[in-house]
Amino acid sequence: MTNIRFTKEALFDIEDIVLWYEEQRIGLSYDFELCLEAGLDTLVRNPDAFQKRYKTVKVRFISRFPYGIHYKFEKNEIIVIGVFHTSRSPKNWSKRLGLK
């Protein structure tokens, strides 16, 4: 079985996104959470299905919302490093990933 673990930064990302969507329209954050959950379920079922985008980091884009789940897959564990908007430059968050 594949375990999934979130870095504290990834959890902050999700919290920020949820709060922002809820400010836009009541209930929209719930829609985001459902799409995020579906994306995570896909990762757990087949973590190797997505290509590496940045050295060892893979990205699973979620449906309906412009966000990608950035993760590493090591020793039967998915480590979610962040949930980033697709418009963000990798330079803005590569430090978090340990990339230069």
Protein backbone atom coordinates (compact mmCIF):
# COMPACT_ATOMS: atom_id res chain seq x y z
CA MET A 1 0.00 0.00 0.00
CA THR A 2 1.19 3.49 -0.83
CA ASN A 3 1.32 6.02 1.98
CA ILE A 4 0.78 9.72 1.41
CA ARG A 5 2.43 12.43 3.49
CA PHE A 6 2.12 16.20 3.26
CA THR A 7 4.85 18.66 4.13
CA LYS A 8 3.67 21.43 6.42
CA GLU A 9 4.17 23.87 3.52
CA ALA A 10 1.83 21.79 1.33
CA LEU A 11 -0.82 21.88 4.06
CA PHE A 12 -0.44 25.68 4.25
CA ASP A 13 -0.83 25.86 0.46
CA ILE A 14 -4.08 23.91 0.63
CA GLU A 15 -5.41 26.00 3.51
CA ASP A 16 -4.65 29.24 1.65
CA ILE A 17 -6.33 27.99 -1.53
CA VAL A 18 -9.43 26.80 0.33
CA LEU A 19 -9.79 30.11 2.17
CA TRP A 20 -9.36 32.08 -1.07
CA TYR A 21 -11.98 30.06 -2.95
CA GLU A 22 -14.44 30.32 -0.08
CA GLU A 23 -14.08 34.12 -0.18
CA GLN A 24 -14.86 34.07 -3.89
CA ARG A 25 -18.07 32.08 -3.55
CA ILE A 26 -19.57 30.12 -0.67
CA GLY A 27 -19.16 26.43 -1.42
CA LEU A 28 -16.45 26.86 -4.06
CA SER A 29 -13.80 25.72 -1.58
CA TYR A 30 -15.71 22.45 -1.17
CA ASP A 31 -15.60 21.93 -4.95
CA PHE A 32 -11.84 22.53 -4.87
CA GLU A 33 -11.40 20.04 -2.03
CA LEU A 34 -13.34 17.37 -3.95
CA CYS A 35 -11.16 17.88 -7.04
CA LEU A 36 -8.00 17.84 -4.92
CA GLU A 37 -9.14 14.63 -3.24
CA ALA A 38 -9.83 13.00 -6.62
CA GLY A 39 -6.34 13.98 -7.77
CA LEU A 40 -4.79 12.53 -4.63
CA ASP A 41 -6.78 9.31 -5.06
CA THR A 42 -5.32 8.97 -8.56
CA LEU A 43 -1.81 9.44 -7.16
CA VAL A 44 -2.28 6.77 -4.53
CA ARG A 45 -3.57 4.29 -7.11
CA ASN A 46 -0.74 4.93 -9.57
CA PRO A 47 2.02 7.29 -8.36
CA ASP A 48 4.30 6.45 -11.30
CA ALA A 49 1.70 7.51 -13.89
CA PHE A 50 2.86 11.12 -13.97
CA GLN A 51 6.06 12.37 -15.51
CA LYS A 52 8.85 14.09 -13.67
CA ARG A 53 8.69 17.81 -14.27
CA TYR A 54 11.52 19.12 -12.12
CA LYS A 55 14.35 16.68 -11.40
CA THR A 56 12.70 14.21 -8.98
CA VAL A 57 9.40 16.08 -8.62
CA LYS A 58 6.27 14.87 -10.37
CA VAL A 59 3.11 16.88 -10.93
CA ARG A 60 -0.51 15.77 -11.01
CA PHE A 61 -2.76 18.55 -12.27
CA ILE A 62 -6.22 18.56 -10.75
CA SER A 63 -9.42 18.96 -12.73
CA ARG A 64 -11.45 22.19 -12.90
CA PHE A 65 -8.90 24.25 -10.97
CA PRO A 66 -5.52 25.57 -12.17
CA TYR A 67 -3.42 23.77 -9.59
CA GLY A 68 -0.88 20.99 -9.61
CA ILE A 69 0.00 18.58 -6.83
CA HIS A 70 3.80 18.54 -6.71
CA TYR A 71 5.15 15.36 -5.16
CA LYS A 72 8.00 12.92 -4.85
CA PHE A 73 7.50 9.17 -4.83
CA GLU A 74 10.06 7.30 -2.75
CA LYS A 75 9.92 3.84 -1.17
CA ASN A 76 6.14 3.41 -1.46
CA GLU A 77 5.52 6.87 -0.03
CA ILE A 78 4.08 9.89 -1.81
CA ILE A 79 5.45 13.10 -0.32
CA VAL A 80 3.30 16.08 -1.30
CA ILE A 81 5.65 19.05 -1.40
CA GLY A 82 3.16 21.67 -2.49
CA VAL A 83 -0.04 22.52 -4.31
CA PHE A 84 0.82 25.32 -6.71
CA HIS A 85 -1.12 27.45 -9.14
CA THR A 86 -0.14 26.69 -12.72
CA SER A 87 0.89 30.30 -13.33
CA ARG A 88 3.58 30.24 -10.65
CA SER A 89 7.13 30.12 -11.90
CA PRO A 90 9.23 27.21 -10.64
CA LYS A 91 11.79 29.80 -9.52
CA ASN A 92 9.31 30.99 -6.89
CA TRP A 93 9.11 27.65 -5.12
CA SER A 94 12.18 25.64 -6.19
CA LYS A 95 13.89 26.45 -2.87
CA ARG A 96 11.15 24.50 -1.08
CA LEU A 97 11.85 21.51 -3.29
CA GLY A 98 15.57 21.62 -2.67
CA LEU A 99 16.24 22.51 -6.31
CA LYS A 100 18.56 25.19 -7.59
